[in-house]
Amino acid sequence: MITVSLLEVASYLPPRKVPTQYFLDHQDPDSPLADSTMFGAPAFRHHVDRDESAADMIEKAARVLLDRIGPREASQIDVVLTNVLLPDLPITGAGAEVSHRLGLRPDWVLDAHNGGCASFIHMLRLARALIGSGQARAALLCNVQNCAGNVMTQSEVRKLPEAVVPGDGCGVAYVAASEESPVLAIETRNLGEYAKDCGLTLADGRKYWEPGESQVHVGFTPGKIADIVERGNRLVPETVRAVCDRLDIEPGDLDTLITNQPNRVFLRKWQERLDIKPDRHLDTYDRFGNLFGAAVPVTLDHGLREGRIRDGSLLMLAGFAHAGDFAGAAAVRWRAAA
């Protein structure tokens, strides 16, 4: 197999920065989930505007990335992979439009609708398989989280405890055949038995495409939350340890852990179960909220720009999705050849 490297990342956050009080003024303190640690509020989050599309967000992040890598490397991109939490059109993805906007002519355009909060690892594995087998040269990976400004601000949804948690943002990455910043190992797990435990809820029971006045959101119950917490606490450490076992190392040998950012409880539990100190686990939750699938590339980008990741560092990227139907981890030796 050809060595494949994660060579660059970039991110975009919508300019509208929303404080927690925006939600607290409307929440019902008597809600059965009002005190759930699952929905501990971040200090801030960013919200997309109604007319800002997923393609708009990707284009803004990708143009920064393309400037960083230069036109020669950009011309090598023949794979575009996207994961958008809330597609602008339910019948198509953003990959083709993004490719056109950026002047790319990829052989592969894949809009991955699975993977959720761990979709960056899912797309990294796809890119590694295509490039490593010689079927492609370089890939642009694009993660968009855009449900906060579009869904959580609805008049009735805004009152729910879970509305305060998400933020919007986009992360993109450049992956290519190279030994500069090699992807060392990847572990993914598909657990379809949990796939139906996270879904959309409408008060009048209609399908989301049927006409009506109820407002769509993800429905949570105390029982569902308990299950999600148990699975999330278990799955991320399991996949991280599986990658470490392949490399014959311990989690303590990692320089930096970057995960999805669901809430403070998950972040703390993952640190405890992997025996990783908080300063080695990058945390953007209080600044950006839960960015779902975009959290890993956005957090990696900010960690790099803030000087928190040194060349030669051993990175572990990890996360779990939805109610636990997917989990993954990937080890990267960041700029090993620098």
Protein backbone atom coordinates (compact mmCIF):
# COMPACT_ATOMS: atom_id res chain seq x y z
CA MET A 1 0.00 0.00 0.00
CA ILE A 2 1.10 3.55 -0.80
CA THR A 3 1.71 5.69 2.31
CA VAL A 4 -1.06 8.26 2.74
CA SER A 5 -0.69 11.47 4.74
CA LEU A 6 -3.01 14.00 6.33
CA LEU A 7 -1.19 17.10 5.13
CA GLU A 8 -3.31 20.16 5.92
CA VAL A 9 -6.55 21.30 7.53
CA ALA A 10 -8.58 24.51 7.58
CA SER A 11 -11.85 25.60 9.12
CA TYR A 12 -14.65 28.12 8.94
CA LEU A 13 -17.00 29.34 11.66
CA PRO A 14 -20.01 31.52 10.81
CA PRO A 15 -19.53 35.08 12.08
CA ARG A 16 -22.68 35.09 14.26
CA LYS A 17 -21.53 34.25 17.80
CA VAL A 18 -24.40 33.32 20.12
CA PRO A 19 -24.25 33.45 23.95
CA THR A 20 -25.96 30.88 26.14
CA GLN A 21 -28.46 33.41 27.45
CA TYR A 22 -30.10 33.41 24.00
CA PHE A 23 -31.52 29.99 24.94
CA LEU A 24 -31.85 30.27 28.71
CA ASP A 25 -34.37 33.12 28.37
CA HIS A 26 -36.76 30.67 26.73
CA GLN A 27 -36.08 27.31 28.41
CA ASP A 28 -38.53 25.52 30.69
CA PRO A 29 -36.78 24.92 34.04
CA ASP A 30 -39.25 22.12 34.80
CA SER A 31 -38.27 20.04 31.75
CA PRO A 32 -37.36 16.46 32.80
CA LEU A 33 -34.01 16.92 31.01
CA ALA A 34 -33.28 20.43 32.30
CA ASP A 35 -30.53 19.26 34.65
CA SER A 36 -29.06 16.55 32.42
CA THR A 37 -25.26 16.67 32.24
CA MET A 38 -25.67 15.62 28.59
CA PHE A 39 -26.78 19.19 27.84
CA GLY A 40 -24.33 21.26 29.88
CA ALA A 41 -24.19 24.56 28.04
CA PRO A 42 -21.04 25.82 26.34
CA ALA A 43 -20.27 29.49 26.86
CA PHE A 44 -20.67 30.29 23.16
CA ARG A 45 -21.48 28.76 19.79
CA HIS A 46 -21.62 30.04 16.21
CA HIS A 47 -24.82 29.92 14.14
CA VAL A 48 -25.23 29.87 10.37
CA ASP A 49 -27.67 32.30 8.83
CA ARG A 50 -30.70 30.93 7.02
CA ASP A 51 -29.30 31.66 3.56
CA GLU A 52 -25.81 30.27 4.16
CA SER A 53 -25.60 26.87 2.48
CA ALA A 54 -23.36 23.92 3.24
CA ALA A 55 -21.54 24.57 -0.04
CA ASP A 56 -20.96 28.19 1.07
CA MET A 57 -19.37 26.96 4.30
CA ILE A 58 -17.16 24.40 2.57
CA GLU A 59 -16.03 26.90 -0.04
CA LYS A 60 -14.94 29.40 2.63
CA ALA A 61 -12.92 26.79 4.54
CA ALA A 62 -11.55 25.14 1.40
CA ARG A 63 -10.25 28.37 -0.13
CA VAL A 64 -8.12 28.88 2.99
CA LEU A 65 -6.82 25.32 2.68
CA LEU A 66 -6.09 25.64 -1.04
CA ASP A 67 -4.12 28.81 -0.38
CA ARG A 68 -2.09 26.96 2.23
CA ILE A 69 -1.20 23.99 0.04
CA GLY A 70 -0.70 25.95 -3.20
CA PRO A 71 -1.94 25.41 -6.76
CA ARG A 72 0.36 22.48 -7.58
CA GLU A 73 -0.97 20.32 -4.76
CA ALA A 74 -4.54 21.51 -5.34
CA SER A 75 -4.31 20.31 -8.94
CA GLN A 76 -3.73 16.78 -7.64
CA ILE A 77 -7.12 16.55 -5.91
CA ASP A 78 -9.14 13.87 -7.65
CA VAL A 79 -11.37 12.86 -4.72
CA VAL A 80 -13.92 15.08 -2.95
CA LEU A 81 -15.62 13.61 0.13
CA THR A 82 -18.31 15.48 2.05
CA ASN A 83 -20.38 14.91 5.16
CA VAL A 84 -23.11 17.50 5.82
CA LEU A 85 -25.33 17.09 8.86
CA LEU A 86 -28.27 18.97 7.33
CA PRO A 87 -28.11 18.68 3.50
CA ASP A 88 -29.56 21.66 1.67
CA LEU A 89 -31.27 19.25 -0.73
CA PRO A 90 -32.33 15.82 0.57
CA ILE A 91 -31.78 14.22 -2.83
CA THR A 92 -28.17 15.27 -3.43
CA GLY A 93 -25.01 16.14 -1.57
CA ALA A 94 -22.71 19.15 -1.70
CA GLY A 95 -19.70 17.49 -3.35
CA ALA A 96 -20.46 18.24 -6.99
CA GLU A 97 -21.31 21.90 -6.36
CA VAL A 98 -18.25 22.37 -4.16
CA SER A 99 -15.99 20.82 -6.79
CA HIS A 100 -17.35 23.22 -9.42
CA ARG A 101 -16.98 26.27 -7.20
CA LEU A 102 -13.36 25.41 -6.40
CA GLY A 103 -12.45 24.61 -10.00
CA LEU A 104 -11.75 20.94 -9.24
CA ARG A 105 -12.39 18.07 -11.66
CA PRO A 106 -12.37 15.02 -9.37
CA ASP A 107 -12.79 11.45 -10.57
CA TRP A 108 -14.52 10.62 -7.28
CA VAL A 109 -17.26 12.68 -5.62
CA LEU A 110 -18.72 10.88 -2.62
CA ASP A 111 -21.27 12.46 -0.28
CA ALA A 112 -21.12 10.32 2.86
CA HIS A 113 -24.29 10.57 4.90
CA ASN A 114 -23.15 8.17 7.59
CA GLY A 115 -20.43 8.52 10.17
CA GLY A 116 -22.04 11.39 12.07
CA CYS A 117 -19.75 12.86 14.73
CA ALA A 118 -17.02 10.39 13.68
CA SER A 119 -17.43 11.02 9.95
CA PHE A 120 -14.00 12.62 9.62
CA ILE A 121 -12.42 9.28 10.52
CA HIS A 122 -14.85 7.54 8.16
CA MET A 123 -13.85 9.81 5.25
CA LEU A 124 -10.16 9.57 6.16
CA ARG A 125 -10.41 5.80 5.87
CA LEU A 126 -12.12 6.10 2.47
CA ALA A 127 -9.45 8.50 1.22
CA ARG A 128 -6.68 6.26 2.52
CA ALA A 129 -8.16 3.23 0.77
CA LEU A 130 -8.51 5.02 -2.58
CA ILE A 131 -5.12 6.71 -2.51
CA GLY A 132 -3.28 3.85 -0.87
CA SER A 133 -4.48 1.41 -3.54
CA GLY A 134 -3.36 3.72 -6.35
CA GLN A 135 -6.88 4.61 -7.51
CA ALA A 136 -6.49 8.29 -6.61
CA ARG A 137 -3.80 10.85 -5.86
CA ALA A 138 -5.26 13.30 -3.34
CA ALA A 139 -8.52 14.01 -1.54
CA LEU A 140 -10.41 16.96 -0.11
CA LEU A 141 -12.38 15.98 3.00
CA CYS A 142 -15.23 18.29 4.02
CA ASN A 143 -17.26 18.22 7.25
CA VAL A 144 -20.22 20.57 7.81
CA GLN A 145 -22.29 21.01 10.96
CA ASN A 146 -25.16 23.38 10.20
CA CYS A 147 -28.13 22.38 12.35
CA ALA A 148 -27.62 24.88 15.19
CA GLY A 149 -28.70 28.04 13.38
CA ASN A 150 -31.20 26.19 11.19
CA VAL A 151 -32.91 23.83 13.67
CA MET A 152 -32.12 24.83 17.24
CA THR A 153 -33.41 28.39 16.81
CA GLN A 154 -36.96 27.31 15.93
CA SER A 155 -39.43 28.89 18.36
CA GLU A 156 -40.38 25.62 20.11
CA VAL A 157 -37.07 23.79 19.73
CA ARG A 158 -35.21 26.73 21.27
CA LYS A 159 -36.99 25.96 24.56
CA LEU A 160 -35.52 22.44 24.81
CA PRO A 161 -32.43 21.72 26.95
CA GLU A 162 -30.58 20.16 24.00
CA ALA A 163 -30.91 23.32 21.85
CA VAL A 164 -28.15 25.08 23.78
CA VAL A 165 -25.44 22.52 22.94
CA PRO A 166 -24.76 22.57 19.15
CA GLY A 167 -22.75 25.13 17.25
CA ASP A 168 -22.15 25.44 13.52
CA GLY A 169 -18.89 25.18 11.63
CA CYS A 170 -16.95 23.52 8.83
CA GLY A 171 -13.63 21.71 8.72
CA VAL A 172 -11.75 20.56 5.62
CA ALA A 173 -8.60 18.51 5.12
CA TYR A 174 -6.12 17.65 2.38
CA VAL A 175 -5.01 14.01 2.18
CA ALA A 176 -2.49 12.73 -0.38
CA ALA A 177 0.09 10.09 -1.22
CA SER A 178 3.04 11.21 0.89
CA GLU A 179 5.25 10.18 3.81
CA GLU A 180 5.30 13.65 5.33
CA SER A 181 2.43 13.24 7.82
CA PRO A 182 1.43 9.57 7.61
CA VAL A 183 -1.84 8.02 8.68
CA LEU A 184 -0.48 5.10 10.70
CA ALA A 185 -3.61 3.09 11.51
CA ILE A 186 -7.41 3.42 11.51
CA GLU A 187 -10.08 1.51 13.42
CA THR A 188 -13.81 1.84 12.66
CA ARG A 189 -16.83 0.01 14.04
CA ASN A 190 -20.35 -0.11 12.60
CA LEU A 191 -22.96 -1.06 15.20
CA GLY A 192 -26.25 -1.14 13.34
CA GLU A 193 -28.18 -2.38 16.36
CA TYR A 194 -28.06 1.19 17.70
CA ALA A 195 -29.02 2.93 14.45
CA LYS A 196 -32.66 3.55 15.36
CA ASP A 197 -31.92 4.93 18.83
CA CYS A 198 -31.33 8.43 17.45
CA GLY A 199 -33.94 9.92 15.14
CA LEU A 200 -36.13 12.87 14.31
CA THR A 201 -39.17 13.78 16.38
CA LEU A 202 -42.24 15.76 15.32
CA ALA A 203 -45.00 16.46 17.82
CA ASP A 204 -47.84 15.64 15.38
CA GLY A 205 -46.28 12.35 14.23
CA ARG A 206 -45.87 13.39 10.58
CA LYS A 207 -42.95 12.43 8.38
CA TYR A 208 -40.45 15.26 8.05
CA TRP A 209 -41.32 15.77 4.36
CA GLU A 210 -45.10 15.91 4.98
CA PRO A 211 -46.83 19.26 5.44
CA GLY A 212 -47.54 20.38 8.99
CA GLU A 213 -46.72 22.89 11.70
CA SER A 214 -44.67 20.80 14.16
CA GLN A 215 -40.97 21.61 14.43
CA VAL A 216 -38.42 18.91 13.69
CA HIS A 217 -35.74 18.01 16.24
CA VAL A 218 -33.91 15.02 17.68
CA GLY A 219 -36.00 13.51 20.46
CA PHE A 220 -34.30 12.56 23.73
CA THR A 221 -35.62 10.70 26.76
CA PRO A 222 -33.83 9.95 30.05
CA GLY A 223 -33.56 6.28 29.01
CA LYS A 224 -32.06 7.11 25.61
CA ILE A 225 -29.60 9.50 27.18
CA ALA A 226 -28.40 6.86 29.63
CA ASP A 227 -27.78 4.43 26.76
CA ILE A 228 -25.93 7.04 24.66
CA VAL A 229 -23.72 8.03 27.59
CA GLU A 230 -22.79 4.41 28.32
CA ARG A 231 -21.96 3.65 24.69
CA GLY A 232 -20.04 6.87 24.09
CA ASN A 233 -17.99 6.46 27.25
CA ARG A 234 -17.06 2.95 26.11
CA LEU A 235 -16.70 3.18 22.32
CA VAL A 236 -14.18 6.00 21.99
CA PRO A 237 -11.67 4.47 24.45
CA GLU A 238 -12.16 1.06 22.82
CA THR A 239 -11.37 2.29 19.32
CA VAL A 240 -8.43 4.38 20.54
CA ARG A 241 -6.98 1.38 22.36
CA ALA A 242 -7.51 -0.81 19.28
CA VAL A 243 -5.38 1.59 17.21
CA CYS A 244 -2.76 1.77 19.97
CA ASP A 245 -2.61 -2.04 20.04
CA ARG A 246 -1.91 -2.11 16.30
CA LEU A 247 0.97 0.29 16.81
CA ASP A 248 2.21 -1.52 19.95
CA ILE A 249 1.89 1.61 22.09
CA GLU A 250 -0.15 2.74 25.10
CA PRO A 251 -2.59 5.70 25.10
CA GLY A 252 -0.12 7.43 27.38
CA ASP A 253 2.34 7.52 24.48
CA LEU A 254 0.05 9.82 22.50
CA ASP A 255 1.05 13.46 22.28
CA THR A 256 -2.42 14.78 21.45
CA LEU A 257 -5.96 13.38 21.47
CA ILE A 258 -8.59 15.10 19.32
CA THR A 259 -12.17 13.87 19.55
CA ASN A 260 -15.65 15.01 18.70
CA GLN A 261 -16.88 17.47 21.35
CA PRO A 262 -20.34 16.34 22.55
CA ASN A 263 -20.18 17.75 26.08
CA ARG A 264 -17.86 18.15 29.07
CA VAL A 265 -18.85 14.80 30.60
CA PHE A 266 -17.72 12.75 27.60
CA LEU A 267 -14.48 14.70 27.31
CA ARG A 268 -13.66 14.11 30.98
CA LYS A 269 -14.61 10.42 30.91
CA TRP A 270 -12.47 9.76 27.83
CA GLN A 271 -9.50 11.39 29.52
CA GLU A 272 -10.02 9.26 32.63
CA ARG A 273 -10.48 5.96 30.79
CA LEU A 274 -7.47 6.54 28.55
CA ASP A 275 -5.36 8.08 31.35
CA ILE A 276 -4.71 11.16 29.23
CA LYS A 277 -4.28 14.52 30.95
CA PRO A 278 -6.61 17.36 29.87
CA ASP A 279 -3.77 19.40 28.37
CA ARG A 280 -3.17 16.62 25.82
CA HIS A 281 -6.86 16.38 24.88
CA LEU A 282 -7.78 19.42 22.80
CA ASP A 283 -11.06 20.99 23.89
CA THR A 284 -13.04 23.54 21.88
CA TYR A 285 -16.45 22.84 23.46
CA ASP A 286 -16.84 26.09 25.40
CA ARG A 287 -15.89 28.21 22.40
CA PHE A 288 -17.81 26.42 19.65
CA GLY A 289 -20.26 23.99 21.29
CA ASN A 290 -20.91 20.55 19.84
CA LEU A 291 -19.73 20.71 16.22
CA PHE A 292 -20.72 17.10 15.51
CA GLY A 293 -18.68 15.74 12.57
CA ALA A 294 -16.86 19.03 12.01
CA ALA A 295 -15.40 18.99 15.54
CA VAL A 296 -12.31 16.89 14.76
CA PRO A 297 -10.99 18.92 11.77
CA VAL A 298 -12.01 22.27 13.33
CA THR A 299 -10.33 21.42 16.64
CA LEU A 300 -7.23 20.14 14.84
CA ASP A 301 -7.02 23.34 12.79
CA HIS A 302 -7.34 25.58 15.84
CA GLY A 303 -4.83 23.48 17.77
CA LEU A 304 -2.31 23.93 14.96
CA ARG A 305 -2.87 27.69 14.56
CA GLU A 306 -2.59 28.16 18.34
CA GLY A 307 0.75 26.32 18.46
CA ARG A 308 -0.52 23.42 20.55
CA ILE A 309 0.64 20.68 18.16
CA ARG A 310 4.35 20.27 17.47
CA ASP A 311 5.84 18.76 14.33
CA GLY A 312 6.49 15.06 14.90
CA SER A 313 3.58 14.72 17.35
CA LEU A 314 1.64 11.46 17.51
CA LEU A 315 -2.02 12.43 17.09
CA MET A 316 -5.08 10.32 17.79
CA LEU A 317 -8.32 11.42 16.13
CA ALA A 318 -11.44 9.71 17.49
CA GLY A 319 -15.18 9.92 17.93
CA PHE A 320 -18.54 8.16 18.03
CA ALA A 321 -21.73 8.93 16.14
CA HIS A 322 -25.41 9.37 16.93
CA ALA A 323 -26.48 6.87 19.61
CA GLY A 324 -23.38 4.74 19.06
CA ASP A 325 -24.00 3.20 15.63
CA PHE A 326 -20.50 4.17 14.44
CA ALA A 327 -17.16 4.84 16.10
CA GLY A 328 -13.65 5.31 14.84
CA ALA A 329 -10.10 6.34 15.65
CA ALA A 330 -7.06 7.16 13.53
CA ALA A 331 -3.41 7.71 14.44
CA VAL A 332 -1.36 10.29 12.52
CA ARG A 333 2.30 11.20 12.90
CA TRP A 334 1.90 14.93 12.30
CA ARG A 335 4.55 16.27 9.92
CA ALA A 336 6.96 13.49 10.75
CA ALA A 337 9.22 14.47 7.87
CA ALA A 338 9.34 18.18 8.74
